[in-house]
């Protein structure tokens, strides 16, 4: 039964991808694969998935906003000009600390909110599953880059 649900999620994700415009297609494809992967590896029931995904998607939205507000601007500035003053570096550190604190709060909220959606055992397993997905994604990207170089 769980395999059928997973296949339906994958199929639904692929159908929705076919209807999307070309820009952002890769990001949307990766997101659909991540949904299917996490759903399958955590063995989420239909009820659990319906509760889990809105919470998880809200966390990812918050996480992306924190990264874009706090970390990406610093990284852009540092790439352009590696020689910064002590005061500017100090300001960057304060911004990074604030960003790390916000990220920590977002993760705490995720864990707290997930308690009402899925069992604790699955919440703990989530980090392992996310890491597995990210490793697989990196491996695929390395292979793609290798093929392009040939």
N, C-alpha and C. Protein backbone atom coordinates (compact mmCIF):
# COMPACT_ATOMS: atom_id res chain seq x y z
N UNK A 1 0.82 -1.20 0.00
CA UNK A 1 0.00 0.00 0.00
C UNK A 1 0.87 1.27 0.00
N UNK A 2 1.94 1.25 0.81
CA UNK A 2 2.81 2.42 0.89
C UNK A 2 3.53 2.65 -0.44
N UNK A 3 3.85 1.56 -1.14
CA UNK A 3 4.51 1.70 -2.43
C UNK A 3 3.56 2.35 -3.44
N UNK A 4 2.29 2.01 -3.36
CA UNK A 4 1.30 2.62 -4.26
C UNK A 4 1.21 4.11 -3.99
N UNK A 5 1.18 4.48 -2.70
CA UNK A 5 1.11 5.90 -2.34
C UNK A 5 2.34 6.63 -2.86
N UNK A 6 3.51 6.02 -2.68
CA UNK A 6 4.75 6.64 -3.16
C UNK A 6 4.72 6.82 -4.66
N UNK A 7 4.28 5.79 -5.37
CA UNK A 7 4.20 5.89 -6.83
C UNK A 7 3.21 6.98 -7.26
N UNK A 8 2.10 7.08 -6.55
CA UNK A 8 1.13 8.14 -6.85
C UNK A 8 1.74 9.52 -6.63
N UNK A 9 2.50 9.67 -5.54
CA UNK A 9 3.15 10.95 -5.27
C UNK A 9 4.16 11.30 -6.36
N UNK A 10 4.94 10.31 -6.77
CA UNK A 10 5.92 10.54 -7.83
C UNK A 10 5.21 10.90 -9.13
N UNK A 11 4.18 10.15 -9.47
CA UNK A 11 3.43 10.40 -10.69
C UNK A 11 2.80 11.79 -10.67
N UNK A 12 2.20 12.15 -9.53
CA UNK A 12 1.59 13.48 -9.40
C UNK A 12 2.65 14.57 -9.56
N UNK A 13 3.82 14.35 -8.92
CA UNK A 13 4.91 15.32 -9.05
C UNK A 13 5.36 15.48 -10.48
N UNK A 14 5.49 14.37 -11.19
CA UNK A 14 5.93 14.43 -12.59
C UNK A 14 4.88 15.10 -13.47
N UNK A 15 3.61 14.82 -13.22
CA UNK A 15 2.56 15.48 -13.99
C UNK A 15 2.58 16.99 -13.76
N UNK A 16 2.77 17.38 -12.51
CA UNK A 16 2.80 18.82 -12.24
C UNK A 16 4.03 19.47 -12.87
N UNK A 17 5.13 18.73 -12.94
CA UNK A 17 6.34 19.26 -13.58
C UNK A 17 6.11 19.51 -15.07
N UNK A 18 5.38 18.62 -15.71
CA UNK A 18 5.14 18.74 -17.15
C UNK A 18 4.35 20.01 -17.47
N UNK A 19 3.59 20.50 -16.48
CA UNK A 19 2.75 21.67 -16.72
C UNK A 19 3.44 22.98 -16.34
N UNK A 20 4.63 22.91 -15.78
CA UNK A 20 5.33 24.11 -15.34
C UNK A 20 6.10 24.76 -16.48
N UNK A 21 6.28 26.07 -16.42
CA UNK A 21 7.12 26.73 -17.42
C UNK A 21 8.57 26.27 -17.27
N UNK A 22 9.38 26.50 -18.28
CA UNK A 22 10.75 26.01 -18.31
C UNK A 22 11.63 26.58 -17.21
N UNK A 23 11.45 27.86 -16.86
CA UNK A 23 12.32 28.43 -15.84
C UNK A 23 11.96 27.83 -14.47
N UNK A 24 12.99 27.45 -13.74
CA UNK A 24 12.77 26.82 -12.44
C UNK A 24 12.41 25.35 -12.53
N UNK A 25 12.45 24.81 -13.73
CA UNK A 25 12.03 23.42 -13.92
C UNK A 25 12.92 22.46 -13.13
N UNK A 26 14.23 22.68 -13.14
CA UNK A 26 15.14 21.80 -12.43
C UNK A 26 14.86 21.83 -10.93
N UNK A 27 14.66 23.02 -10.39
CA UNK A 27 14.37 23.16 -8.96
C UNK A 27 13.08 22.42 -8.60
N UNK A 28 12.07 22.57 -9.44
CA UNK A 28 10.79 21.90 -9.20
C UNK A 28 10.93 20.38 -9.32
N UNK A 29 11.74 19.95 -10.25
CA UNK A 29 11.97 18.51 -10.42
C UNK A 29 12.67 17.94 -9.19
N UNK A 30 13.66 18.64 -8.70
CA UNK A 30 14.39 18.21 -7.50
C UNK A 30 13.43 18.18 -6.31
N UNK A 31 12.60 19.19 -6.19
CA UNK A 31 11.63 19.25 -5.08
C UNK A 31 10.68 18.05 -5.14
N UNK A 32 10.19 17.71 -6.32
CA UNK A 32 9.29 16.56 -6.47
C UNK A 32 10.00 15.26 -6.09
N UNK A 33 11.26 15.15 -6.49
CA UNK A 33 12.04 13.97 -6.14
C UNK A 33 12.27 13.89 -4.63
N UNK A 34 12.50 15.02 -4.03
CA UNK A 34 12.72 15.07 -2.58
C UNK A 34 11.45 14.66 -1.83
N UNK A 35 10.31 15.14 -2.29
CA UNK A 35 9.03 14.77 -1.67
C UNK A 35 8.83 13.27 -1.74
N UNK A 36 9.04 12.70 -2.91
CA UNK A 36 8.87 11.26 -3.09
C UNK A 36 9.86 10.48 -2.23
N UNK A 37 11.11 10.93 -2.21
CA UNK A 37 12.16 10.24 -1.46
C UNK A 37 11.86 10.24 0.04
N UNK A 38 11.54 11.41 0.58
CA UNK A 38 11.27 11.52 2.01
C UNK A 38 10.01 10.73 2.37
N UNK A 39 8.98 10.85 1.56
CA UNK A 39 7.74 10.13 1.83
C UNK A 39 7.98 8.62 1.87
N UNK A 40 8.76 8.15 0.91
CA UNK A 40 9.05 6.72 0.86
C UNK A 40 9.93 6.28 2.02
N UNK A 41 11.03 6.98 2.26
CA UNK A 41 12.00 6.56 3.29
C UNK A 41 11.43 6.67 4.71
N UNK A 42 10.57 7.65 4.95
CA UNK A 42 9.95 7.77 6.26
C UNK A 42 8.71 6.89 6.38
N UNK A 43 8.32 6.31 5.25
CA UNK A 43 7.11 5.46 5.21
C UNK A 43 5.91 6.22 5.76
N UNK A 44 5.70 7.42 5.22
CA UNK A 44 4.59 8.25 5.67
C UNK A 44 3.28 7.69 5.15
N UNK A 45 2.31 7.55 6.03
CA UNK A 45 0.98 7.17 5.60
C UNK A 45 0.35 8.38 4.90
N UNK A 46 -0.78 8.17 4.27
CA UNK A 46 -1.46 9.28 3.59
C UNK A 46 -1.80 10.38 4.59
N UNK A 47 -2.31 9.98 5.75
CA UNK A 47 -2.68 10.95 6.79
C UNK A 47 -1.45 11.69 7.29
N UNK A 48 -0.36 10.95 7.54
CA UNK A 48 0.87 11.58 8.01
C UNK A 48 1.41 12.56 6.98
N UNK A 49 1.42 12.14 5.71
CA UNK A 49 1.93 13.00 4.64
C UNK A 49 1.13 14.30 4.53
N UNK A 50 -0.18 14.20 4.68
CA UNK A 50 -1.02 15.39 4.60
C UNK A 50 -0.72 16.38 5.72
N UNK A 51 -0.32 15.86 6.88
CA UNK A 51 0.04 16.74 8.00
C UNK A 51 1.49 17.19 7.92
N UNK A 52 2.37 16.29 7.48
CA UNK A 52 3.80 16.54 7.45
C UNK A 52 4.20 17.61 6.45
N UNK A 53 3.74 17.48 5.19
CA UNK A 53 4.27 18.34 4.13
C UNK A 53 3.99 19.82 4.30
N UNK A 54 2.81 20.25 4.77
CA UNK A 54 2.65 21.71 5.00
C UNK A 54 3.63 22.25 6.05
N UNK A 55 3.88 21.47 7.10
CA UNK A 55 4.81 21.89 8.15
C UNK A 55 6.23 21.96 7.59
N UNK A 56 6.63 20.92 6.88
CA UNK A 56 7.98 20.85 6.32
C UNK A 56 8.19 21.94 5.27
N UNK A 57 7.20 22.16 4.41
CA UNK A 57 7.31 23.19 3.38
C UNK A 57 7.43 24.58 4.00
N UNK A 58 6.70 24.81 5.09
CA UNK A 58 6.81 26.10 5.79
C UNK A 58 8.21 26.29 6.35
N UNK A 59 8.78 25.21 6.90
CA UNK A 59 10.15 25.28 7.40
C UNK A 59 11.13 25.60 6.27
N UNK A 60 11.00 24.92 5.16
CA UNK A 60 11.91 25.16 4.03
C UNK A 60 11.79 26.60 3.54
N UNK A 61 10.58 27.12 3.52
CA UNK A 61 10.36 28.51 3.12
C UNK A 61 11.08 29.46 4.09
N UNK A 62 10.91 29.22 5.38
CA UNK A 62 11.57 30.04 6.39
C UNK A 62 13.08 29.92 6.28
N UNK A 63 13.57 28.71 6.11
CA UNK A 63 14.99 28.44 6.00
C UNK A 63 15.59 29.17 4.80
N UNK A 64 14.92 29.10 3.67
CA UNK A 64 15.41 29.79 2.47
C UNK A 64 15.42 31.30 2.65
N UNK A 65 14.42 31.82 3.35
CA UNK A 65 14.37 33.26 3.60
C UNK A 65 15.53 33.68 4.51
N UNK A 66 15.79 32.90 5.53
CA UNK A 66 16.90 33.21 6.44
C UNK A 66 18.22 33.19 5.67
N UNK A 67 18.40 32.17 4.84
CA UNK A 67 19.64 32.09 4.04
C UNK A 67 19.78 33.29 3.13
N UNK A 68 18.69 33.68 2.47
CA UNK A 68 18.79 34.81 1.54
C UNK A 68 18.93 36.14 2.26
N UNK A 69 18.38 36.26 3.45
CA UNK A 69 18.47 37.52 4.21
C UNK A 69 19.80 37.68 4.95
N UNK A 70 20.33 36.58 5.45
CA UNK A 70 21.50 36.68 6.34
C UNK A 70 22.81 36.17 5.74
N UNK A 71 22.76 35.07 5.01
CA UNK A 71 24.01 34.43 4.59
C UNK A 71 24.43 34.76 3.16
N UNK A 72 23.50 34.73 2.23
CA UNK A 72 23.87 34.98 0.83
C UNK A 72 24.47 36.36 0.60
N UNK A 73 23.91 37.42 1.21
CA UNK A 73 24.53 38.74 1.00
C UNK A 73 25.99 38.79 1.46
N UNK A 74 26.27 38.14 2.57
CA UNK A 74 27.66 38.13 3.08
C UNK A 74 28.55 37.37 2.11
N UNK A 75 28.10 36.22 1.66
CA UNK A 75 28.92 35.41 0.75
C UNK A 75 29.17 36.16 -0.57
N UNK A 76 28.16 36.86 -1.06
CA UNK A 76 28.35 37.65 -2.30
C UNK A 76 29.41 38.73 -2.09
N UNK A 77 29.29 39.44 -0.99
CA UNK A 77 30.25 40.51 -0.70
C UNK A 77 31.66 39.95 -0.54
N UNK A 78 31.77 38.82 0.12
CA UNK A 78 33.09 38.22 0.36
C UNK A 78 33.70 37.71 -0.94
N UNK A 79 32.89 37.18 -1.85
CA UNK A 79 33.42 36.72 -3.14
C UNK A 79 33.94 37.88 -3.98
N UNK A 80 33.23 39.00 -3.90
CA UNK A 80 33.64 40.17 -4.69
C UNK A 80 34.88 40.85 -4.12
N UNK A 81 34.92 40.93 -2.80
CA UNK A 81 36.01 41.66 -2.16
C UNK A 81 36.46 40.88 -0.93
N UNK A 82 37.49 40.09 -1.10
CA UNK A 82 37.96 39.25 0.00
C UNK A 82 38.68 40.05 1.07
N UNK A 83 39.12 41.23 0.75
CA UNK A 83 39.81 42.07 1.72
C UNK A 83 38.81 43.03 2.34
N UNK A 84 38.32 42.72 3.54
CA UNK A 84 37.36 43.58 4.22
C UNK A 84 38.00 44.14 5.48
N UNK A 85 37.48 45.25 5.92
CA UNK A 85 38.00 45.86 7.15
C UNK A 85 37.55 45.04 8.36
N UNK A 86 38.22 45.27 9.48
CA UNK A 86 37.85 44.56 10.71
C UNK A 86 36.42 44.90 11.14
N UNK A 87 36.04 46.15 10.98
CA UNK A 87 34.69 46.55 11.38
C UNK A 87 33.63 45.90 10.47
N UNK A 88 33.95 45.81 9.18
CA UNK A 88 33.02 45.17 8.24
C UNK A 88 32.93 43.67 8.55
N UNK A 89 34.06 43.03 8.84
CA UNK A 89 34.08 41.61 9.19
C UNK A 89 33.30 41.37 10.48
N UNK A 90 33.45 42.28 11.43
CA UNK A 90 32.72 42.18 12.70
C UNK A 90 31.22 42.27 12.46
N UNK A 91 30.84 43.18 11.58
CA UNK A 91 29.42 43.34 11.22
C UNK A 91 28.89 42.06 10.55
N UNK A 92 29.69 41.47 9.67
CA UNK A 92 29.31 40.21 9.01
C UNK A 92 29.11 39.10 10.04
N UNK A 93 30.03 39.05 11.03
CA UNK A 93 29.91 38.02 12.06
C UNK A 93 28.63 38.17 12.87
N UNK A 94 28.30 39.41 13.21
CA UNK A 94 27.06 39.66 13.95
C UNK A 94 25.85 39.22 13.12
N UNK A 95 25.88 39.53 11.83
CA UNK A 95 24.80 39.13 10.94
C UNK A 95 24.71 37.61 10.85
N UNK A 96 25.86 36.94 10.79
CA UNK A 96 25.88 35.48 10.72
C UNK A 96 25.34 34.86 12.02
N UNK A 97 25.70 35.44 13.15
CA UNK A 97 25.20 34.94 14.44
C UNK A 97 23.69 35.08 14.51
N UNK A 98 23.20 36.22 14.07
CA UNK A 98 21.75 36.44 14.05
C UNK A 98 21.07 35.44 13.12
N UNK A 99 21.65 35.20 11.96
CA UNK A 99 21.11 34.22 11.02
C UNK A 99 21.11 32.81 11.59
N UNK A 100 22.21 32.46 12.26
CA UNK A 100 22.29 31.12 12.89
C UNK A 100 21.23 30.97 13.98
N UNK A 101 21.02 32.02 14.76
CA UNK A 101 19.99 31.98 15.79
C UNK A 101 18.60 31.81 15.19
N UNK A 102 18.33 32.54 14.13
CA UNK A 102 17.03 32.42 13.46
C UNK A 102 16.85 31.01 12.87
N UNK A 103 17.92 30.47 12.30
CA UNK A 103 17.86 29.12 11.73
C UNK A 103 17.58 28.10 12.84
N UNK A 104 18.23 28.28 13.98
CA UNK A 104 18.02 27.39 15.11
C UNK A 104 16.57 27.45 15.58
N UNK A 105 16.03 28.65 15.66
CA UNK A 105 14.62 28.81 16.07
C UNK A 105 13.68 28.14 15.06
N UNK A 106 13.98 28.28 13.78
CA UNK A 106 13.15 27.65 12.75
C UNK A 106 13.19 26.13 12.87
N UNK A 107 14.37 25.58 13.15
CA UNK A 107 14.50 24.12 13.32
C UNK A 107 13.75 23.65 14.57
N UNK A 108 13.83 24.43 15.64
CA UNK A 108 13.10 24.07 16.85
C UNK A 108 11.59 24.07 16.59
N UNK A 109 11.13 25.06 15.85
CA UNK A 109 9.70 25.14 15.53
C UNK A 109 9.30 23.94 14.66
N UNK A 110 10.14 23.59 13.70
CA UNK A 110 9.86 22.43 12.86
C UNK A 110 9.67 21.19 13.71
N UNK A 111 10.62 20.92 14.59
CA UNK A 111 10.54 19.72 15.42
C UNK A 111 9.31 19.73 16.32
N UNK A 112 9.02 20.87 16.89
CA UNK A 112 7.85 20.99 17.76
C UNK A 112 6.56 20.75 16.97
N UNK A 113 6.47 21.38 15.80
CA UNK A 113 5.26 21.24 14.98
C UNK A 113 5.09 19.82 14.44
N UNK A 114 6.22 19.18 14.11
CA UNK A 114 6.14 17.82 13.56
C UNK A 114 5.63 16.81 14.57
N UNK A 115 5.79 17.11 15.87
CA UNK A 115 5.31 16.20 16.91
C UNK A 115 3.82 15.91 16.77
N UNK A 116 3.08 16.87 16.24
CA UNK A 116 1.63 16.67 16.08
C UNK A 116 1.28 15.99 14.75
N UNK A 117 2.28 15.75 13.91
CA UNK A 117 2.02 15.19 12.59
C UNK A 117 2.50 13.76 12.42
N UNK A 118 3.68 13.48 12.95
CA UNK A 118 4.27 12.15 12.77
C UNK A 118 4.92 11.68 14.08
N UNK A 119 5.14 10.36 14.20
CA UNK A 119 5.78 9.85 15.42
C UNK A 119 7.21 10.37 15.59
N UNK A 120 7.65 10.42 16.83
CA UNK A 120 8.99 10.92 17.16
C UNK A 120 10.08 10.15 16.41
N UNK A 121 9.88 8.86 16.26
CA UNK A 121 10.86 8.02 15.57
C UNK A 121 11.07 8.50 14.13
N UNK A 122 10.01 8.91 13.47
CA UNK A 122 10.12 9.41 12.09
C UNK A 122 10.73 10.80 12.05
N UNK A 123 10.48 11.60 13.07
CA UNK A 123 11.08 12.93 13.14
C UNK A 123 12.60 12.80 13.25
N UNK A 124 13.04 11.90 14.09
CA UNK A 124 14.48 11.69 14.26
C UNK A 124 15.09 11.16 12.96
N UNK A 125 14.38 10.27 12.30
CA UNK A 125 14.87 9.67 11.05
C UNK A 125 14.95 10.70 9.91
N UNK A 126 14.16 11.76 9.99
CA UNK A 126 14.10 12.78 8.94
C UNK A 126 15.48 13.33 8.58
N UNK A 127 16.29 13.64 9.56
CA UNK A 127 17.63 14.22 9.29
C UNK A 127 18.48 13.25 8.48
N UNK A 128 18.44 11.97 8.83
CA UNK A 128 19.20 10.96 8.10
C UNK A 128 18.72 10.88 6.66
N UNK A 129 17.42 10.90 6.47
CA UNK A 129 16.83 10.80 5.14
C UNK A 129 17.16 12.03 4.30
N UNK A 130 17.11 13.22 4.90
CA UNK A 130 17.49 14.44 4.18
C UNK A 130 18.95 14.36 3.73
N UNK A 131 19.82 13.89 4.62
CA UNK A 131 21.24 13.76 4.27
C UNK A 131 21.44 12.75 3.13
N UNK A 132 20.70 11.65 3.16
CA UNK A 132 20.78 10.65 2.09
C UNK A 132 20.37 11.27 0.76
N UNK A 133 19.28 12.02 0.77
CA UNK A 133 18.81 12.66 -0.46
C UNK A 133 19.85 13.64 -0.99
N UNK A 134 20.41 14.44 -0.10
CA UNK A 134 21.41 15.43 -0.53
C UNK A 134 22.66 14.77 -1.09
N UNK A 135 23.09 13.67 -0.49
CA UNK A 135 24.24 12.93 -1.03
C UNK A 135 23.94 12.40 -2.42
N UNK A 136 22.75 11.80 -2.59
CA UNK A 136 22.37 11.28 -3.91
C UNK A 136 22.31 12.40 -4.94
N UNK A 137 21.77 13.53 -4.54
CA UNK A 137 21.67 14.68 -5.45
C UNK A 137 23.05 15.16 -5.87
N UNK A 138 23.96 15.26 -4.92
CA UNK A 138 25.32 15.68 -5.24
C UNK A 138 26.01 14.69 -6.18
N UNK A 139 25.79 13.41 -5.95
CA UNK A 139 26.38 12.39 -6.83
C UNK A 139 25.85 12.54 -8.26
N UNK A 140 24.54 12.77 -8.37
CA UNK A 140 23.96 12.95 -9.72
C UNK A 140 24.52 14.19 -10.40
N UNK A 141 24.68 15.26 -9.63
CA UNK A 141 25.25 16.49 -10.20
C UNK A 141 26.69 16.28 -10.65
N UNK A 142 27.46 15.54 -9.86
CA UNK A 142 28.84 15.24 -10.26
C UNK A 142 28.87 14.45 -11.56
N UNK A 143 27.97 13.48 -11.69
CA UNK A 143 27.91 12.67 -12.91
C UNK A 143 27.53 13.53 -14.11
N UNK A 144 26.56 14.43 -13.91
CA UNK A 144 26.15 15.32 -15.00
C UNK A 144 27.30 16.22 -15.44
N UNK A 145 28.01 16.76 -14.46
CA UNK A 145 29.16 17.62 -14.79
C UNK A 145 30.25 16.82 -15.50
N UNK A 146 30.45 15.60 -15.09
CA UNK A 146 31.44 14.73 -15.74
C UNK A 146 31.07 14.45 -17.19
N UNK A 147 29.79 14.23 -17.45
CA UNK A 147 29.32 13.97 -18.81
C UNK A 147 29.48 15.21 -19.68
N UNK A 148 29.23 16.38 -19.10
CA UNK A 148 29.35 17.62 -19.86
C UNK A 148 30.80 17.92 -20.25
N UNK A 149 31.74 17.54 -19.39
CA UNK A 149 33.15 17.77 -19.68
C UNK A 149 33.65 16.86 -20.78
N UNK A 150 33.05 15.67 -20.90
CA UNK A 150 33.52 14.70 -21.92
C UNK A 150 33.12 15.07 -23.31
